[in-house]
PDB file of N, CA and C in Angstrom:
ATOM      1  N   MET A   1      17.381  44.798 162.651  1.00  0.00           N
ATOM      2  CA  MET A   1      17.470  43.354 162.737  1.00  0.00           C
ATOM      3  C   MET A   1      16.095  42.788 163.033  1.00  0.00           C
ATOM      4  N   ASN A   2      15.867  41.609 162.518  1.00  0.00           N
ATOM      5  CA  ASN A   2      14.556  40.990 162.650  1.00  0.00           C
ATOM      6  C   ASN A   2      14.468  39.989 163.791  1.00  0.00           C
ATOM      7  N   PHE A   3      15.349  40.093 164.774  1.00  0.00           N
ATOM      8  CA  PHE A   3      15.312  39.157 165.888  1.00  0.00           C
ATOM      9  C   PHE A   3      15.753  39.873 167.153  1.00  0.00           C
ATOM     10  N   ASP A   4      15.404  39.304 168.275  1.00  0.00           N
ATOM     11  CA  ASP A   4      15.776  39.853 169.568  1.00  0.00           C
ATOM     12  C   ASP A   4      17.100  39.224 169.990  1.00  0.00           C
ATOM     13  N   LEU A   5      18.107  40.034 170.252  1.00  0.00           N
ATOM     14  CA  LEU A   5      19.416  39.500 170.637  1.00  0.00           C
ATOM     15  C   LEU A   5      19.336  38.651 171.902  1.00  0.00           C
ATOM     16  N   LYS A   6      18.307  38.854 172.722  1.00  0.00           N
ATOM     17  CA  LYS A   6      18.143  38.045 173.930  1.00  0.00           C
ATOM     18  C   LYS A   6      17.847  36.588 173.589  1.00  0.00           C
ATOM     19  N   ASP A   7      17.380  36.321 172.361  1.00  0.00           N
ATOM     20  CA  ASP A   7      17.073  34.955 171.941  1.00  0.00           C
ATOM     21  C   ASP A   7      18.322  34.142 171.636  1.00  0.00           C
ATOM     22  N   LEU A   8      19.449  34.795 171.517  1.00  0.00           N
ATOM     23  CA  LEU A   8      20.696  34.097 171.207  1.00  0.00           C
ATOM     24  C   LEU A   8      21.548  34.024 172.469  1.00  0.00           C
ATOM     25  N   HIS A   9      21.544  32.864 173.100  1.00  0.00           N
ATOM     26  CA  HIS A   9      22.319  32.655 174.316  1.00  0.00           C
ATOM     27  C   HIS A   9      23.410  31.641 174.017  1.00  0.00           C
ATOM     28  N   VAL A  10      24.652  32.061 174.128  1.00  0.00           N
ATOM     29  CA  VAL A  10      25.775  31.198 173.805  1.00  0.00           C
ATOM     30  C   VAL A  10      26.804  31.298 174.917  1.00  0.00           C
ATOM     31  N   VAL A  11      27.307  30.160 175.351  1.00  0.00           N
ATOM     32  CA  VAL A  11      28.387  30.134 176.332  1.00  0.00           C
ATOM     33  C   VAL A  11      29.572  29.453 175.675  1.00  0.00           C
ATOM     34  N   ILE A  12      30.670  30.185 175.590  1.00  0.00           N
ATOM     35  CA  ILE A  12      31.865  29.670 174.936  1.00  0.00           C
ATOM     36  C   ILE A  12      33.050  29.919 175.852  1.00  0.00           C
ATOM     37  N   GLY A  13      33.881  28.906 176.032  1.00  0.00           N
ATOM     38  CA  GLY A  13      35.048  29.031 176.899  1.00  0.00           C
ATOM     39  C   GLY A  13      36.170  29.809 176.257  1.00  0.00           C
ATOM     40  N   PRO A  14      37.221  30.052 177.018  1.00  0.00           N
ATOM     41  CA  PRO A  14      38.355  30.834 176.510  1.00  0.00           C
ATOM     42  C   PRO A  14      39.109  30.097 175.411  1.00  0.00           C
ATOM     43  N   SER A  15      39.819  30.861 174.619  1.00  0.00           N
ATOM     44  CA  SER A  15      40.576  30.303 173.504  1.00  0.00           C
ATOM     45  C   SER A  15      41.950  30.945 173.456  1.00  0.00           C
ATOM     46  N   THR A  16      42.895  30.246 172.858  1.00  0.00           N
ATOM     47  CA  THR A  16      44.234  30.818 172.692  1.00  0.00           C
ATOM     48  C   THR A  16      44.393  31.454 171.324  1.00  0.00           C
ATOM     49  N   SER A  17      43.349  31.403 170.515  1.00  0.00           N
ATOM     50  CA  SER A  17      43.379  32.028 169.194  1.00  0.00           C
ATOM     51  C   SER A  17      42.113  32.861 169.030  1.00  0.00           C
ATOM     52  N   SER A  18      41.910  33.396 167.852  1.00  0.00           N
ATOM     53  CA  SER A  18      40.695  34.189 167.617  1.00  0.00           C
ATOM     54  C   SER A  18      39.498  33.306 167.296  1.00  0.00           C
ATOM     55  N   SER A  19      39.704  31.995 167.229  1.00  0.00           N
ATOM     56  CA  SER A  19      38.643  31.061 166.888  1.00  0.00           C
ATOM     57  C   SER A  19      38.285  30.209 168.107  1.00  0.00           C
ATOM     58  N   TYR A  20      36.999  30.107 168.385  1.00  0.00           N
ATOM     59  CA  TYR A  20      36.501  29.317 169.504  1.00  0.00           C
ATOM     60  C   TYR A  20      35.848  28.048 168.979  1.00  0.00           C
ATOM     61  N   GLU A  21      35.955  26.973 169.751  1.00  0.00           N
ATOM     62  CA  GLU A  21      35.370  25.686 169.386  1.00  0.00           C
ATOM     63  C   GLU A  21      33.892  25.675 169.766  1.00  0.00           C
ATOM     64  N   ILE A  22      33.028  25.323 168.801  1.00  0.00           N
ATOM     65  CA  ILE A  22      31.590  25.201 169.056  1.00  0.00           C
ATOM     66  C   ILE A  22      31.087  23.890 168.455  1.00  0.00           C
ATOM     67  N   ASN A  23      29.891  23.468 168.891  1.00  0.00           N
ATOM     68  CA  ASN A  23      29.299  22.245 168.341  1.00  0.00           C
ATOM     69  C   ASN A  23      28.179  22.607 167.363  1.00  0.00           C
ATOM     70  N   ASP A  24      27.517  21.588 166.832  1.00  0.00           N
ATOM     71  CA  ASP A  24      26.457  21.804 165.843  1.00  0.00           C
ATOM     72  C   ASP A  24      25.306  22.645 166.391  1.00  0.00           C
ATOM     73  N   ASP A  25      24.950  22.444 167.665  1.00  0.00           N
ATOM     74  CA  ASP A  25      23.837  23.201 168.247  1.00  0.00           C
ATOM     75  C   ASP A  25      24.106  24.702 168.212  1.00  0.00           C
ATOM     76  N   ILE A  26      25.300  25.100 168.608  1.00  0.00           N
ATOM     77  CA  ILE A  26      25.659  26.520 168.613  1.00  0.00           C
ATOM     78  C   ILE A  26      25.768  27.040 167.185  1.00  0.00           C
ATOM     79  N   LYS A  27      26.369  26.246 166.304  1.00  0.00           N
ATOM     80  CA  LYS A  27      26.490  26.650 164.894  1.00  0.00           C
ATOM     81  C   LYS A  27      25.110  26.901 164.293  1.00  0.00           C
ATOM     82  N   ASN A  28      24.165  26.010 164.583  1.00  0.00           N
ATOM     83  CA  ASN A  28      22.808  26.157 164.053  1.00  0.00           C
ATOM     84  C   ASN A  28      22.142  27.442 164.539  1.00  0.00           C
ATOM     85  N   LYS A  29      22.406  27.842 165.773  1.00  0.00           N
ATOM     86  CA  LYS A  29      21.837  29.092 166.286  1.00  0.00           C
ATOM     87  C   LYS A  29      22.406  30.290 165.538  1.00  0.00           C
ATOM     88  N   PHE A  30      23.702  30.281 165.280  1.00  0.00           N
ATOM     89  CA  PHE A  30      24.306  31.387 164.543  1.00  0.00           C
ATOM     90  C   PHE A  30      23.814  31.423 163.100  1.00  0.00           C
ATOM     91  N   GLU A  31      23.522  30.271 162.519  1.00  0.00           N
ATOM     92  CA  GLU A  31      23.053  30.226 161.133  1.00  0.00           C
ATOM     93  C   GLU A  31      21.650  30.805 160.970  1.00  0.00           C
ATOM     94  N   THR A  32      20.917  30.983 162.058  1.00  0.00           N
ATOM     95  CA  THR A  32      19.592  31.600 161.965  1.00  0.00           C
ATOM     96  C   THR A  32      19.672  33.121 161.901  1.00  0.00           C
ATOM     97  N   LEU A  33      20.838  33.686 162.161  1.00  0.00           N
ATOM     98  CA  LEU A  33      21.003  35.139 162.103  1.00  0.00           C
ATOM     99  C   LEU A  33      20.987  35.606 160.651  1.00  0.00           C
ATOM    100  N   PRO A  34      20.596  36.849 160.425  1.00  0.00           N
ATOM    101  CA  PRO A  34      20.511  37.363 159.051  1.00  0.00           C
ATOM    102  C   PRO A  34      21.864  37.797 158.483  1.00  0.00           C
ATOM    103  N   ILE A  35      22.899  37.032 158.760  1.00  0.00           N
ATOM    104  CA  ILE A  35      24.245  37.296 158.234  1.00  0.00           C
ATOM    105  C   ILE A  35      24.817  35.977 157.733  1.00  0.00           C
ATOM    106  N   ASP A  36      25.803  36.036 156.856  1.00  0.00           N
ATOM    107  CA  ASP A  36      26.382  34.833 156.254  1.00  0.00           C
ATOM    108  C   ASP A  36      27.378  34.188 157.216  1.00  0.00           C
ATOM    109  N   SER A  37      26.987  33.078 157.814  1.00  0.00           N
ATOM    110  CA  SER A  37      27.838  32.409 158.799  1.00  0.00           C
ATOM    111  C   SER A  37      29.107  31.831 158.184  1.00  0.00           C
ATOM    112  N   ALA A  38      29.139  31.658 156.874  1.00  0.00           N
ATOM    113  CA  ALA A  38      30.349  31.143 156.213  1.00  0.00           C
ATOM    114  C   ALA A  38      31.516  32.114 156.357  1.00  0.00           C
ATOM    115  N   ASN A  39      31.226  33.370 156.665  1.00  0.00           N
ATOM    116  CA  ASN A  39      32.279  34.367 156.837  1.00  0.00           C
ATOM    117  C   ASN A  39      33.002  34.254 158.171  1.00  0.00           C
ATOM    118  N   TYR A  40      32.425  33.541 159.137  1.00  0.00           N
ATOM    119  CA  TYR A  40      33.049  33.488 160.456  1.00  0.00           C
ATOM    120  C   TYR A  40      32.993  32.114 161.138  1.00  0.00           C
ATOM    121  N   ILE A  41      32.424  31.103 160.483  1.00  0.00           N
ATOM    122  CA  ILE A  41      32.394  29.748 161.042  1.00  0.00           C
ATOM    123  C   ILE A  41      33.063  28.790 160.072  1.00  0.00           C
ATOM    124  N   GLU A  42      33.973  27.969 160.600  1.00  0.00           N
ATOM    125  CA  GLU A  42      34.628  26.943 159.785  1.00  0.00           C
ATOM    126  C   GLU A  42      34.335  25.576 160.392  1.00  0.00           C
ATOM    127  N   THR A  43      34.080  24.588 159.555  1.00  0.00           N
ATOM    128  CA  THR A  43      33.843  23.228 160.026  1.00  0.00           C
ATOM    129  C   THR A  43      35.176  22.512 160.150  1.00  0.00           C
ATOM    130  N   ARG A  44      35.399  21.914 161.323  1.00  0.00           N
ATOM    131  CA  ARG A  44      36.655  21.210 161.608  1.00  0.00           C
ATOM    132  C   ARG A  44      36.478  19.699 161.608  1.00  0.00           C
ATOM    133  N   GLY A  45      35.263  19.255 161.785  1.00  0.00           N
ATOM    134  CA  GLY A  45      34.986  17.827 161.847  1.00  0.00           C
ATOM    135  C   GLY A  45      33.535  17.623 162.231  1.00  0.00           C
ATOM    136  N   ARG A  46      33.183  16.379 162.491  1.00  0.00           N
ATOM    137  CA  ARG A  46      31.810  16.058 162.882  1.00  0.00           C
ATOM    138  C   ARG A  46      31.492  16.725 164.219  1.00  0.00           C
ATOM    139  N   ASP A  47      30.479  17.586 164.225  1.00  0.00           N
ATOM    140  CA  ASP A  47      30.036  18.298 165.424  1.00  0.00           C
ATOM    141  C   ASP A  47      31.141  19.184 166.022  1.00  0.00           C
ATOM    142  N   ARG A  48      32.073  19.627 165.188  1.00  0.00           N
ATOM    143  CA  ARG A  48      33.175  20.498 165.628  1.00  0.00           C
ATOM    144  C   ARG A  48      33.348  21.630 164.623  1.00  0.00           C
ATOM    145  N   HIS A  49      33.259  22.843 165.130  1.00  0.00           N
ATOM    146  CA  HIS A  49      33.380  24.017 164.276  1.00  0.00           C
ATOM    147  C   HIS A  49      34.177  25.078 165.012  1.00  0.00           C
ATOM    148  N   GLY A  50      34.810  25.945 164.259  1.00  0.00           N
ATOM    149  CA  GLY A  50      35.494  27.089 164.835  1.00  0.00           C
ATOM    150  C   GLY A  50      34.722  28.341 164.487  1.00  0.00           C
ATOM    151  N   ILE A  51      34.594  29.239 165.445  1.00  0.00           N
ATOM    152  CA  ILE A  51      33.883  30.499 165.197  1.00  0.00           C
ATOM    153  C   ILE A  51      34.779  31.665 165.595  1.00  0.00           C
ATOM    154  N   ASP A  52      34.838  32.648 164.737  1.00  0.00           N
ATOM    155  CA  ASP A  52      35.566  33.879 165.028  1.00  0.00           C
ATOM    156  C   ASP A  52      34.532  34.886 165.533  1.00  0.00           C
ATOM    157  N   LEU A  53      34.490  35.069 166.845  1.00  0.00           N
ATOM    158  CA  LEU A  53      33.462  35.920 167.435  1.00  0.00           C
ATOM    159  C   LEU A  53      33.620  37.386 167.050  1.00  0.00           C
ATOM    160  N   LYS A  54      34.845  37.842 166.862  1.00  0.00           N
ATOM    161  CA  LYS A  54      35.045  39.238 166.462  1.00  0.00           C
ATOM    162  C   LYS A  54      34.422  39.497 165.093  1.00  0.00           C
ATOM    163  N   LYS A  55      34.638  38.567 164.158  1.00  0.00           N
ATOM    164  CA  LYS A  55      34.048  38.723 162.822  1.00  0.00           C
ATOM    165  C   LYS A  55      32.527  38.654 162.886  1.00  0.00           C
ATOM    166  N   SER A  56      31.998  37.726 163.684  1.00  0.00           N
ATOM    167  CA  SER A  56      30.539  37.592 163.771  1.00  0.00           C
ATOM    168  C   SER A  56      29.912  38.851 164.357  1.00  0.00           C
ATOM    169  N   GLN A  57      30.534  39.426 165.364  1.00  0.00           N
ATOM    170  CA  GLN A  57      29.997  40.651 165.963  1.00  0.00           C
ATOM    171  C   GLN A  57      30.034  41.808 164.978  1.00  0.00           C
ATOM    172  N   CYS A  58      31.102  41.895 164.198  1.00  0.00           N
ATOM    173  CA  CYS A  58      31.188  42.955 163.181  1.00  0.00           C
ATOM    174  C   CYS A  58      30.068  42.812 162.154  1.00  0.00           C
ATOM    175  N   CYS A  59      29.777  41.580 161.755  1.00  0.00           N
ATOM    176  CA  CYS A  59      28.703  41.346 160.781  1.00  0.00           C
ATOM    177  C   CYS A  59      27.336  41.700 161.368  1.00  0.00           C
ATOM    178  N   ILE A  60      27.132  41.395 162.633  1.00  0.00           N
ATOM    179  CA  ILE A  60      25.841  41.636 163.276  1.00  0.00           C
ATOM    180  C   ILE A  60      25.562  43.128 163.426  1.00  0.00           C
ATOM    181  N   ILE A  61      26.570  43.901 163.805  1.00  0.00           N
ATOM    182  CA  ILE A  61      26.315  45.323 164.076  1.00  0.00           C
ATOM    183  C   ILE A  61      26.324  46.193 162.828  1.00  0.00           C
ATOM    184  N   LYS A  62      26.669  45.630 161.672  1.00  0.00           N
ATOM    185  CA  LYS A  62      26.656  46.409 160.424  1.00  0.00           C
ATOM    186  C   LYS A  62      25.249  46.715 159.993  1.00  0.00           C
TER     187      LYS A  62
END
């Protein structure tokens, strides 16, 4: 990987599903990773997105 994982600091609260609510700032940080964020982030509205952290972690460690 071409980045230091310490550079990605994200705090996300608990969820009742596999998708967590994030805002544009967090989405933008994930989009800088060398993986396709479209596979694990869905846009729900203005400044509202859902992220599947399990899918994102699987993409990162591949």
